[in-house]
Amino acid sequence: MSHTFYIAMSYGIAGLVSLCLIGWVWLDGRARRRELAQLEAAGIRRRSAKVPEGGKA
């Protein structure tokens, strides 16, 4: 096994792991946004959300 092959494989594996992590975070973010939308549709609001005028506190 040559050093060039070892270095190329190291970069390839590091790139693949990085892409997998980026994909995982992106998919997880989509899932969390979907969950928040379902909770808001059910009437559950975040504490940091602004209360609409004339609404309950």
N, C-alpha and C. Protein backbone atom coordinates (compact mmCIF):
# COMPACT_ATOMS: atom_id res chain seq x y z
N MET A 1 0.86 -1.17 0.00
CA MET A 1 0.00 0.00 0.00
C MET A 1 0.91 1.24 0.00
N SER A 2 0.68 2.11 -0.95
CA SER A 2 1.52 3.30 -1.06
C SER A 2 1.00 4.41 -0.15
N HIS A 3 1.87 5.36 0.10
CA HIS A 3 1.47 6.49 0.93
C HIS A 3 0.40 7.33 0.24
N THR A 4 0.48 7.44 -1.06
CA THR A 4 -0.51 8.21 -1.82
C THR A 4 -1.90 7.60 -1.65
N PHE A 5 -1.99 6.27 -1.74
CA PHE A 5 -3.27 5.60 -1.57
C PHE A 5 -3.82 5.83 -0.16
N TYR A 6 -2.96 5.72 0.84
CA TYR A 6 -3.36 5.92 2.23
C TYR A 6 -3.89 7.34 2.44
N ILE A 7 -3.19 8.33 1.91
CA ILE A 7 -3.60 9.73 2.06
C ILE A 7 -4.91 9.97 1.33
N ALA A 8 -5.03 9.45 0.12
CA ALA A 8 -6.27 9.62 -0.66
C ALA A 8 -7.46 8.97 0.06
N MET A 9 -7.25 7.77 0.59
CA MET A 9 -8.33 7.11 1.32
C MET A 9 -8.71 7.88 2.59
N SER A 10 -7.72 8.44 3.26
CA SER A 10 -8.00 9.23 4.47
C SER A 10 -8.86 10.44 4.14
N TYR A 11 -8.49 11.15 3.07
CA TYR A 11 -9.29 12.30 2.64
C TYR A 11 -10.68 11.86 2.19
N GLY A 12 -10.75 10.76 1.49
CA GLY A 12 -12.05 10.26 1.02
C GLY A 12 -12.97 9.89 2.17
N ILE A 13 -12.43 9.19 3.15
CA ILE A 13 -13.24 8.79 4.31
C ILE A 13 -13.66 10.01 5.12
N ALA A 14 -12.74 10.96 5.31
CA ALA A 14 -13.08 12.18 6.04
C ALA A 14 -14.17 12.97 5.30
N GLY A 15 -14.08 13.04 3.99
CA GLY A 15 -15.11 13.72 3.21
C GLY A 15 -16.45 13.02 3.30
N LEU A 16 -16.43 11.70 3.24
CA LEU A 16 -17.68 10.93 3.34
C LEU A 16 -18.33 11.12 4.71
N VAL A 17 -17.54 11.07 5.76
CA VAL A 17 -18.07 11.28 7.11
C VAL A 17 -18.65 12.69 7.24
N SER A 18 -17.95 13.67 6.68
CA SER A 18 -18.44 15.06 6.74
C SER A 18 -19.77 15.19 6.01
N LEU A 19 -19.87 14.59 4.81
CA LEU A 19 -21.13 14.65 4.07
C LEU A 19 -22.26 13.94 4.81
N CYS A 20 -21.96 12.82 5.45
CA CYS A 20 -22.98 12.11 6.23
C CYS A 20 -23.46 12.97 7.40
N LEU A 21 -22.55 13.64 8.08
CA LEU A 21 -22.95 14.50 9.20
C LEU A 21 -23.77 15.68 8.73
N ILE A 22 -23.40 16.29 7.61
CA ILE A 22 -24.17 17.40 7.06
C ILE A 22 -25.57 16.94 6.70
N GLY A 23 -25.69 15.78 6.06
CA GLY A 23 -26.99 15.23 5.71
C GLY A 23 -27.84 14.91 6.93
N TRP A 24 -27.21 14.36 7.95
CA TRP A 24 -27.93 14.02 9.18
C TRP A 24 -28.48 15.28 9.85
N VAL A 25 -27.67 16.31 9.94
CA VAL A 25 -28.11 17.57 10.57
C VAL A 25 -29.22 18.20 9.75
N TRP A 26 -29.10 18.17 8.43
CA TRP A 26 -30.13 18.75 7.56
C TRP A 26 -31.46 18.01 7.72
N LEU A 27 -31.41 16.68 7.68
CA LEU A 27 -32.64 15.90 7.85
C LEU A 27 -33.24 16.08 9.24
N ASP A 28 -32.40 16.14 10.27
CA ASP A 28 -32.89 16.34 11.63
C ASP A 28 -33.55 17.72 11.77
N GLY A 29 -32.97 18.73 11.13
CA GLY A 29 -33.56 20.07 11.16
C GLY A 29 -34.93 20.08 10.52
N ARG A 30 -35.07 19.38 9.40
CA ARG A 30 -36.39 19.30 8.75
C ARG A 30 -37.40 18.61 9.67
N ALA A 31 -36.98 17.56 10.35
CA ALA A 31 -37.88 16.84 11.26
C ALA A 31 -38.30 17.73 12.43
N ARG A 32 -37.35 18.49 12.99
CA ARG A 32 -37.70 19.38 14.10
C ARG A 32 -38.67 20.47 13.66
N ARG A 33 -38.46 21.05 12.46
CA ARG A 33 -39.39 22.07 11.95
C ARG A 33 -40.78 21.49 11.75
N ARG A 34 -40.85 20.25 11.27
CA ARG A 34 -42.14 19.59 11.09
C ARG A 34 -42.81 19.38 12.44
N GLU A 35 -42.05 18.97 13.45
CA GLU A 35 -42.62 18.78 14.80
C GLU A 35 -43.11 20.11 15.37
N LEU A 36 -42.34 21.18 15.18
CA LEU A 36 -42.78 22.49 15.67
C LEU A 36 -44.07 22.93 14.98
N ALA A 37 -44.17 22.69 13.69
CA ALA A 37 -45.38 23.06 12.96
C ALA A 37 -46.59 22.28 13.49
N GLN A 38 -46.39 20.99 13.80
CA GLN A 38 -47.49 20.19 14.34
C GLN A 38 -47.90 20.70 15.72
N LEU A 39 -46.92 21.06 16.54
CA LEU A 39 -47.24 21.57 17.88
C LEU A 39 -47.97 22.90 17.79
N GLU A 40 -47.52 23.79 16.89
CA GLU A 40 -48.19 25.08 16.74
C GLU A 40 -49.59 24.90 16.18
N ALA A 41 -49.79 23.93 15.28
CA ALA A 41 -51.13 23.66 14.75
C ALA A 41 -52.05 23.14 15.84
N ALA A 42 -51.47 22.46 16.84
CA ALA A 42 -52.26 21.94 17.96
C ALA A 42 -52.53 23.02 19.01
N GLY A 43 -51.97 24.22 18.81
CA GLY A 43 -52.22 25.31 19.73
C GLY A 43 -51.14 25.50 20.77
N ILE A 44 -50.09 24.71 20.70
CA ILE A 44 -49.00 24.84 21.67
C ILE A 44 -48.02 25.86 21.12
N ARG A 45 -47.73 26.89 21.91
CA ARG A 45 -46.85 27.96 21.48
C ARG A 45 -45.56 27.94 22.30
N ARG A 46 -44.51 28.51 21.74
CA ARG A 46 -43.25 28.64 22.46
C ARG A 46 -43.35 29.80 23.44
N ARG A 47 -42.67 29.69 24.56
CA ARG A 47 -42.70 30.76 25.56
C ARG A 47 -42.12 32.04 25.02
N SER A 48 -41.18 31.96 24.08
CA SER A 48 -40.54 33.15 23.55
C SER A 48 -41.35 33.81 22.45
N ALA A 49 -42.44 33.17 22.02
CA ALA A 49 -43.25 33.72 20.94
C ALA A 49 -44.02 34.95 21.44
N LYS A 50 -44.17 35.91 20.56
CA LYS A 50 -44.93 37.11 20.89
C LYS A 50 -46.41 36.76 21.00
N VAL A 51 -47.08 37.35 21.98
CA VAL A 51 -48.50 37.13 22.16
C VAL A 51 -49.24 38.10 21.24
N PRO A 52 -50.16 37.61 20.41
CA PRO A 52 -50.89 38.51 19.50
C PRO A 52 -51.73 39.51 20.30
N GLU A 53 -51.99 40.66 19.71
CA GLU A 53 -52.80 41.70 20.35
C GLU A 53 -54.17 41.12 20.71
N GLY A 54 -54.58 41.34 21.94
CA GLY A 54 -55.88 40.86 22.40
C GLY A 54 -55.89 39.38 22.75
N GLY A 55 -54.77 38.72 22.64
CA GLY A 55 -54.68 37.30 22.95
C GLY A 55 -54.41 37.07 24.42
N LYS A 56 -54.46 35.81 24.81
CA LYS A 56 -54.16 35.47 26.19
C LYS A 56 -52.67 35.53 26.43
N ALA A 57 -52.28 35.81 27.65
CA ALA A 57 -50.86 35.90 28.01
C ALA A 57 -50.27 34.57 28.29
